[in-house]
C-alpha atoms as a PDB file:
ATOM      1  CA  MET A   1       8.610   2.818  -6.211  1.00  0.00           C
ATOM      2  CA  ALA A   2      11.309   3.283  -8.855  1.00  0.00           C
ATOM      3  CA  GLY A   3      14.000   0.640  -8.494  1.00  0.00           C
ATOM      4  CA  SER A   4      12.007  -1.416  -5.987  1.00  0.00           C
ATOM      5  CA  ARG A   5      11.620  -5.180  -6.328  1.00  0.00           C
ATOM      6  CA  ILE A   6       7.970  -6.225  -6.085  1.00  0.00           C
ATOM      7  CA  LEU A   7       6.953  -9.827  -5.493  1.00  0.00           C
ATOM      8  CA  VAL A   8       3.743 -10.744  -7.330  1.00  0.00           C
ATOM      9  CA  VAL A   9       1.865 -13.802  -6.101  1.00  0.00           C
ATOM     10  CA  GLU A  10      -1.106 -14.359  -8.398  1.00  0.00           C
ATOM     11  CA  ASP A  11      -2.411 -17.462 -10.172  1.00  0.00           C
ATOM     12  CA  ASP A  12      -4.654 -15.730 -12.721  1.00  0.00           C
ATOM     13  CA  CYS A  13      -2.459 -15.214 -15.783  1.00  0.00           C
ATOM     14  CA  LEU A  14      -4.305 -12.130 -17.067  1.00  0.00           C
ATOM     15  CA  ILE A  15      -4.317 -10.357 -13.712  1.00  0.00           C
ATOM     16  CA  ALA A  16      -0.666 -11.267 -13.137  1.00  0.00           C
ATOM     17  CA  THR A  17       0.219  -9.778 -16.545  1.00  0.00           C
ATOM     18  CA  ASP A  18      -1.655  -6.561 -15.731  1.00  0.00           C
ATOM     19  CA  LEU A  19       0.081  -6.322 -12.350  1.00  0.00           C
ATOM     20  CA  VAL A  20       3.472  -6.833 -13.974  1.00  0.00           C
ATOM     21  CA  CYS A  21       2.744  -4.063 -16.503  1.00  0.00           C
ATOM     22  CA  ALA A  22       1.544  -1.647 -13.791  1.00  0.00           C
ATOM     23  CA  ILE A  23       4.591  -2.352 -11.605  1.00  0.00           C
ATOM     24  CA  GLU A  24       6.997  -1.888 -14.499  1.00  0.00           C
ATOM     25  CA  GLU A  25       5.218   1.346 -15.493  1.00  0.00           C
ATOM     26  CA  ALA A  26       5.876   2.584 -11.956  1.00  0.00           C
ATOM     27  CA  GLY A  27       9.592   1.937 -12.528  1.00  0.00           C
ATOM     28  CA  ALA A  28       9.911  -1.126 -10.313  1.00  0.00           C
ATOM     29  CA  TYR A  29      11.181  -4.628 -11.023  1.00  0.00           C
ATOM     30  CA  VAL A  30       8.949  -7.671 -10.752  1.00  0.00           C
ATOM     31  CA  ILE A  31       9.830 -10.818  -8.871  1.00  0.00           C
ATOM     32  CA  GLY A  32       7.634 -13.593 -10.235  1.00  0.00           C
ATOM     33  CA  PRO A  33       4.795 -13.767 -10.761  1.00  0.00           C
ATOM     34  CA  ALA A  34       4.436 -16.853  -8.599  1.00  0.00           C
ATOM     35  CA  SER A  35       1.308 -18.946  -8.997  1.00  0.00           C
ATOM     36  CA  SER A  36       1.788 -21.254  -6.003  1.00  0.00           C
ATOM     37  CA  VAL A  37       2.879 -20.971  -2.385  1.00  0.00           C
ATOM     38  CA  ALA A  38       5.968 -23.124  -3.025  1.00  0.00           C
ATOM     39  CA  SER A  39       7.134 -21.045  -5.986  1.00  0.00           C
ATOM     40  CA  ALA A  40       6.566 -17.831  -4.039  1.00  0.00           C
ATOM     41  CA  GLN A  41       8.599 -19.127  -1.090  1.00  0.00           C
ATOM     42  CA  ARG A  42      11.465 -19.954  -3.461  1.00  0.00           C
ATOM     43  CA  LEU A  43      11.459 -16.349  -4.744  1.00  0.00           C
ATOM     44  CA  ILE A  44      11.981 -14.858  -1.284  1.00  0.00           C
ATOM     45  CA  LYS A  45      15.773 -14.983  -1.161  1.00  0.00           C
ATOM     46  CA  PRO A  46      17.917 -13.162   1.412  1.00  0.00           C
ATOM     47  CA  ALA A  47      20.314 -11.886  -1.255  1.00  0.00           C
ATOM     48  CA  ALA A  48      17.492 -10.483  -3.397  1.00  0.00           C
ATOM     49  CA  GLU A  49      14.634  -9.834  -0.986  1.00  0.00           C
ATOM     50  CA  PRO A  50      11.565  -8.108  -2.379  1.00  0.00           C
ATOM     51  CA  SER A  51      10.960  -4.484  -1.388  1.00  0.00           C
ATOM     52  CA  ALA A  52       7.215  -5.200  -1.157  1.00  0.00           C
ATOM     53  CA  ALA A  53       4.616  -7.728  -2.309  1.00  0.00           C
ATOM     54  CA  ILE A  54       1.145  -8.061  -3.786  1.00  0.00           C
ATOM     55  CA  LEU A  55      -0.531 -11.309  -2.766  1.00  0.00           C
ATOM     56  CA  ASP A  56      -3.710 -12.926  -3.981  1.00  0.00           C
ATOM     57  CA  ILE A  57      -5.257 -14.706  -1.006  1.00  0.00           C
ATOM     58  CA  ARG A  58      -6.184 -17.947  -2.742  1.00  0.00           C
ATOM     59  CA  LEU A  59      -3.949 -19.679  -5.262  1.00  0.00           C
ATOM     60  CA  ASP A  60      -5.929 -22.534  -6.751  1.00  0.00           C
ATOM     61  CA  CYS A  61      -6.514 -24.590  -3.571  1.00  0.00           C
ATOM     62  CA  GLU A  62      -3.878 -22.905  -1.397  1.00  0.00           C
ATOM     63  CA  LEU A  63      -3.993 -19.861   0.895  1.00  0.00           C
ATOM     64  CA  VAL A  64      -0.997 -17.492   0.919  1.00  0.00           C
ATOM     65  CA  PHE A  65      -0.810 -16.864   4.646  1.00  0.00           C
ATOM     66  CA  THR A  66       2.537 -18.644   5.121  1.00  0.00           C
ATOM     67  CA  ILE A  67       4.024 -16.333   2.475  1.00  0.00           C
ATOM     68  CA  ALA A  68       2.538 -13.295   4.217  1.00  0.00           C
ATOM     69  CA  ASP A  69       3.980 -14.484   7.541  1.00  0.00           C
ATOM     70  CA  THR A  70       7.440 -14.870   5.990  1.00  0.00           C
ATOM     71  CA  LEU A  71       7.302 -11.406   4.425  1.00  0.00           C
ATOM     72  CA  LEU A  72       6.143  -9.778   7.646  1.00  0.00           C
ATOM     73  CA  GLU A  73       8.895 -11.521   9.635  1.00  0.00           C
ATOM     74  CA  LEU A  74      11.367  -9.960   7.187  1.00  0.00           C
ATOM     75  CA  GLY A  75       9.738  -6.536   7.554  1.00  0.00           C
ATOM     76  CA  ILE A  76       8.552  -6.451   3.934  1.00  0.00           C
ATOM     77  CA  PRO A  77       5.369  -4.443   3.312  1.00  0.00           C
ATOM     78  CA  LEU A  78       2.572  -6.186   1.447  1.00  0.00           C
ATOM     79  CA  ILE A  79      -1.030  -5.901   0.387  1.00  0.00           C
ATOM     80  CA  PHE A  80      -3.613  -8.576  -0.271  1.00  0.00           C
ATOM     81  CA  TYR A  81      -5.283  -8.235  -3.687  1.00  0.00           C
ATOM     82  CA  SER A  82      -8.155 -10.656  -3.932  1.00  0.00           C
ATOM     83  CA  ALA A  83     -11.642 -11.325  -5.239  1.00  0.00           C
ATOM     84  CA  PHE A  84     -12.446 -13.052  -1.954  1.00  0.00           C
ATOM     85  CA  GLU A  85     -13.793 -11.191   1.041  1.00  0.00           C
ATOM     86  CA  CYS A  86     -11.326  -9.844   3.562  1.00  0.00           C
ATOM     87  CA  ASP A  87     -13.213 -11.944   6.137  1.00  0.00           C
ATOM     88  CA  LEU A  88     -10.932 -14.812   5.056  1.00  0.00           C
ATOM     89  CA  LEU A  89      -7.967 -13.040   6.626  1.00  0.00           C
ATOM     90  CA  PRO A  90      -6.808 -14.325   9.988  1.00  0.00           C
ATOM     91  CA  GLU A  91      -6.759 -11.763  12.778  1.00  0.00           C
ATOM     92  CA  ARG A  92      -2.954 -11.538  12.699  1.00  0.00           C
ATOM     93  CA  PHE A  93      -3.243  -9.714   9.347  1.00  0.00           C
ATOM     94  CA  GLU A  94      -5.626  -7.080  10.657  1.00  0.00           C
ATOM     95  CA  GLY A  95      -3.257  -4.189   9.872  1.00  0.00           C
ATOM     96  CA  ILE A  96      -2.483  -5.345   6.311  1.00  0.00           C
ATOM     97  CA  ARG A  97      -4.247  -3.554   3.485  1.00  0.00           C
ATOM     98  CA  PHE A  98      -6.830  -5.573   1.590  1.00  0.00           C
ATOM     99  CA  VAL A  99      -7.603  -4.443  -1.962  1.00  0.00           C
ATOM    100  CA  SER A 100     -10.585  -5.918  -3.745  1.00  0.00           C
ATOM    101  CA  LYS A 101     -10.131  -7.104  -7.303  1.00  0.00           C
ATOM    102  CA  SER A 102     -13.034  -4.823  -8.156  1.00  0.00           C
ATOM    103  CA  LEU A 103     -10.196  -2.273  -8.363  1.00  0.00           C
ATOM    104  CA  SER A 104      -7.844  -2.490 -11.314  1.00  0.00           C
ATOM    105  CA  PRO A 105      -4.325  -3.918 -11.027  1.00  0.00           C
ATOM    106  CA  SER A 106      -3.022  -0.358 -11.577  1.00  0.00           C
ATOM    107  CA  ASP A 107      -5.026   0.820  -8.576  1.00  0.00           C
ATOM    108  CA  ALA A 108      -3.670  -2.082  -6.514  1.00  0.00           C
ATOM    109  CA  VAL A 109      -0.130  -1.018  -7.409  1.00  0.00           C
ATOM    110  CA  ARG A 110      -0.939   2.570  -6.354  1.00  0.00           C
ATOM    111  CA  VAL A 111      -2.212   1.276  -3.001  1.00  0.00           C
ATOM    112  CA  LEU A 112       1.028  -0.691  -2.628  1.00  0.00           C
ATOM    113  CA  GLN A 113       2.993   2.477  -3.413  1.00  0.00           C
ATOM    114  CA  MET A 114       1.089   4.224  -0.629  1.00  0.00           C
ATOM    115  CA  GLU A 115       1.901   1.401   1.812  1.00  0.00           C
ATOM    116  CA  MET A 116       5.585   1.484   0.839  1.00  0.00           C
ATOM    117  CA  ALA A 117       5.698   5.263   1.278  1.00  0.00           C
ATOM    118  CA  LEU A 118       4.052   4.957   4.687  1.00  0.00           C
ATOM    119  CA  GLU A 119       6.568   2.274   5.698  1.00  0.00           C
ATOM    120  CA  ARG A 120       9.555   4.381   4.599  1.00  0.00           C
ATOM    121  CA  ALA A 121       8.230   7.422   6.463  1.00  0.00           C
ATOM    122  CA  ASP A 122       8.219   5.315   9.660  1.00  0.00           C
ATOM    123  CA  CYS A 123       5.075   6.920  11.071  1.00  0.00           C
ATOM    124  CA  ARG A 124       2.660   4.017  11.510  1.00  0.00           C
ATOM    125  CA  ASP A 125       2.288   4.951  15.169  1.00  0.00           C
ATOM    126  CA  LEU A 126       0.285   7.978  14.025  1.00  0.00           C
ATOM    127  CA  LEU A 127      -2.351   5.622  12.593  1.00  0.00           C
ATOM    128  CA  ALA A 128      -3.358   4.541  16.078  1.00  0.00           C
ATOM    129  CA  ASP A 129      -6.094   6.483  17.817  1.00  0.00           C
ATOM    130  CA  SER A 130      -4.465   9.785  18.546  1.00  0.00           C
ATOM    131  CA  GLU A 131      -5.488  12.521  20.887  1.00  0.00           C
ATOM    132  CA  PRO A 132      -6.671  15.811  19.404  1.00  0.00           C
ATOM    133  CA  GLU A 133      -3.481  17.340  20.807  1.00  0.00           C
ATOM    134  CA  GLU A 134      -1.368  15.211  18.420  1.00  0.00           C
ATOM    135  CA  SER A 135       1.278  17.493  17.011  1.00  0.00           C
ATOM    136  CA  VAL A 136       0.057  19.158  13.828  1.00  0.00           C
ATOM    137  CA  VAL A 137       3.678  19.653  12.850  1.00  0.00           C
ATOM    138  CA  ARG A 138       4.474  15.936  13.253  1.00  0.00           C
ATOM    139  CA  ILE A 139       1.423  14.948  11.204  1.00  0.00           C
ATOM    140  CA  THR A 140       2.274  17.433   8.448  1.00  0.00           C
ATOM    141  CA  VAL A 141       5.906  16.309   8.336  1.00  0.00           C
ATOM    142  CA  ALA A 142       4.785  12.660   8.120  1.00  0.00           C
ATOM    143  CA  LEU A 143       2.332  13.440   5.289  1.00  0.00           C
ATOM    144  CA  LEU A 144       5.050  15.309   3.393  1.00  0.00           C
ATOM    145  CA  GLU A 145       7.507  12.426   3.852  1.00  0.00           C
ATOM    146  CA  ILE A 146       4.947   9.922   2.569  1.00  0.00           C
ATOM    147  CA  ALA A 147       4.120  12.186  -0.380  1.00  0.00           C
ATOM    148  CA  ARG A 148       7.845  12.575  -1.177  1.00  0.00           C
ATOM    149  CA  ASN A 149       8.184   8.788  -1.113  1.00  0.00           C
ATOM    150  CA  LEU A 150       5.266   8.535  -3.541  1.00  0.00           C
ATOM    151  CA  THR A 151       6.201  11.295  -5.952  1.00  0.00           C
ATOM    152  CA  GLY A 152       9.981  11.438  -5.657  1.00  0.00           C
ATOM    153  CA  ASP A 153       9.784  15.231  -5.808  1.00  0.00           C
ATOM    154  CA  GLN A 154       9.462  17.888  -3.079  1.00  0.00           C
ATOM    155  CA  GLU A 155       7.255  20.240  -5.103  1.00  0.00           C
ATOM    156  CA  ALA A 156       4.919  17.442  -6.229  1.00  0.00           C
ATOM    157  CA  ALA A 157       4.783  16.199  -2.623  1.00  0.00           C
ATOM    158  CA  SER A 158       3.717  19.631  -1.411  1.00  0.00           C
ATOM    159  CA  ILE A 159       0.974  19.770  -4.036  1.00  0.00           C
ATOM    160  CA  LEU A 160      -0.287  16.302  -3.073  1.00  0.00           C
ATOM    161  CA  VAL A 161      -0.403  17.192   0.641  1.00  0.00           C
ATOM    162  CA  GLU A 162      -2.040  20.545  -0.105  1.00  0.00           C
ATOM    163  CA  THR A 163      -4.725  18.781  -2.169  1.00  0.00           C
ATOM    164  CA  ALA A 164      -5.378  16.347   0.679  1.00  0.00           C
ATOM    165  CA  LEU A 165      -5.564  19.116   3.268  1.00  0.00           C
ATOM    166  CA  ASN A 166      -7.947  21.142   1.104  1.00  0.00           C
ATOM    167  CA  GLN A 167     -10.160  18.071   0.725  1.00  0.00           C
ATOM    168  CA  ALA A 168     -10.023  17.562   4.500  1.00  0.00           C
ATOM    169  CA  LEU A 169     -11.127  21.164   5.063  1.00  0.00           C
ATOM    170  CA  GLU A 170     -14.055  20.679   2.689  1.00  0.00           C
ATOM    171  CA  CYS A 171     -15.062  17.500   4.562  1.00  0.00           C
ATOM    172  CA  SER A 172     -14.079  18.568   8.075  1.00  0.00           C
ATOM    173  CA  GLY A 173     -17.449  17.756   9.611  1.00  0.00           C
ATOM    174  CA  MET A 174     -17.398  14.243   8.156  1.00  0.00           C
ATOM    175  CA  ARG A 175     -14.439  12.748  10.066  1.00  0.00           C
ATOM    176  CA  PRO A 176     -15.687   9.880  12.224  1.00  0.00           C
ATOM    177  CA  PRO A 177     -15.000  10.769  15.869  1.00  0.00           C
ATOM    178  CA  ASP A 178     -13.182   7.477  16.528  1.00  0.00           C
ATOM    179  CA  THR A 179     -10.770   7.911  13.586  1.00  0.00           C
ATOM    180  CA  ALA A 180      -7.286   9.256  14.281  1.00  0.00           C
ATOM    181  CA  ILE A 181      -6.642  12.584  12.583  1.00  0.00           C
ATOM    182  CA  PHE A 182      -3.562  11.231  10.820  1.00  0.00           C
ATOM    183  CA  ARG A 183      -5.416   8.165   9.514  1.00  0.00           C
ATOM    184  CA  TRP A 184      -8.196  10.407   8.186  1.00  0.00           C
ATOM    185  CA  LEU A 185      -5.750  12.793   6.488  1.00  0.00           C
ATOM    186  CA  LEU A 186      -3.832   9.828   5.062  1.00  0.00           C
ATOM    187  CA  GLU A 187      -7.089   8.530   3.557  1.00  0.00           C
ATOM    188  CA  MET A 188      -7.645  11.969   1.982  1.00  0.00           C
ATOM    189  CA  MET A 189      -4.123  11.922   0.555  1.00  0.00           C
ATOM    190  CA  GLU A 190      -4.539   8.377  -0.741  1.00  0.00           C
ATOM    191  CA  ASP A 191      -7.802   9.402  -2.414  1.00  0.00           C
ATOM    192  CA  ALA A 192      -6.058  12.355  -4.101  1.00  0.00           C
ATOM    193  CA  TRP A 193      -3.126  10.110  -5.104  1.00  0.00           C
ATOM    194  CA  MET A 194      -5.323   7.339  -6.513  1.00  0.00           C
ATOM    195  CA  SER A 195      -7.653   9.683  -8.408  1.00  0.00           C
ATOM    196  CA  GLY A 196      -4.855  11.858  -9.797  1.00  0.00           C
ATOM    197  CA  ARG A 197      -6.812  14.918  -8.644  1.00  0.00           C
ATOM    198  CA  TRP A 198      -3.629  16.459  -7.219  1.00  0.00           C
ATOM    199  CA  LEU A 199      -2.143  16.674 -10.730  1.00  0.00           C
ATOM    200  CA  HIS A 200      -4.626  19.325 -11.891  1.00  0.00           C
END
């Protein structure tokens, strides 16, 4: 995330401040925070496009879906960070991560880091239902690329992936049969990343 430009769209001053601090701690620059749809739209400039965005769903009386549409048209990854239920999301945002405000702003930033790493690794196709014959090598390479994007370091990436794979082995009988192997392993890696368990 270091050096990235993160658009923050949030109308709660305290939460916006915590998001800004968490983003800056991760080494990224903050665009905003914007507290209205109009101000957010003004911050999305072609010359200084955001690398990613964190959007609250409801800003006072407005919904942020036009901002999300603009960002997606530009290919900019985003997450929704809201106290409202994800049921408010239109179907077109089905693949966009929703993070409840029951999680801290720091956790929301870590989820965004995971989404950015996944986007850079260009392996979203592996999230679709995959056959059991899906290449183990391709999945492992994708996990390592995502982990490298998260950690910025090959050795740390290997440790993160190893932690996730060990967790997957411990829980091997618990994978839902309709969940793609890659998606399940990615969830294990995200859990290790978010909890910091891989650092021990």
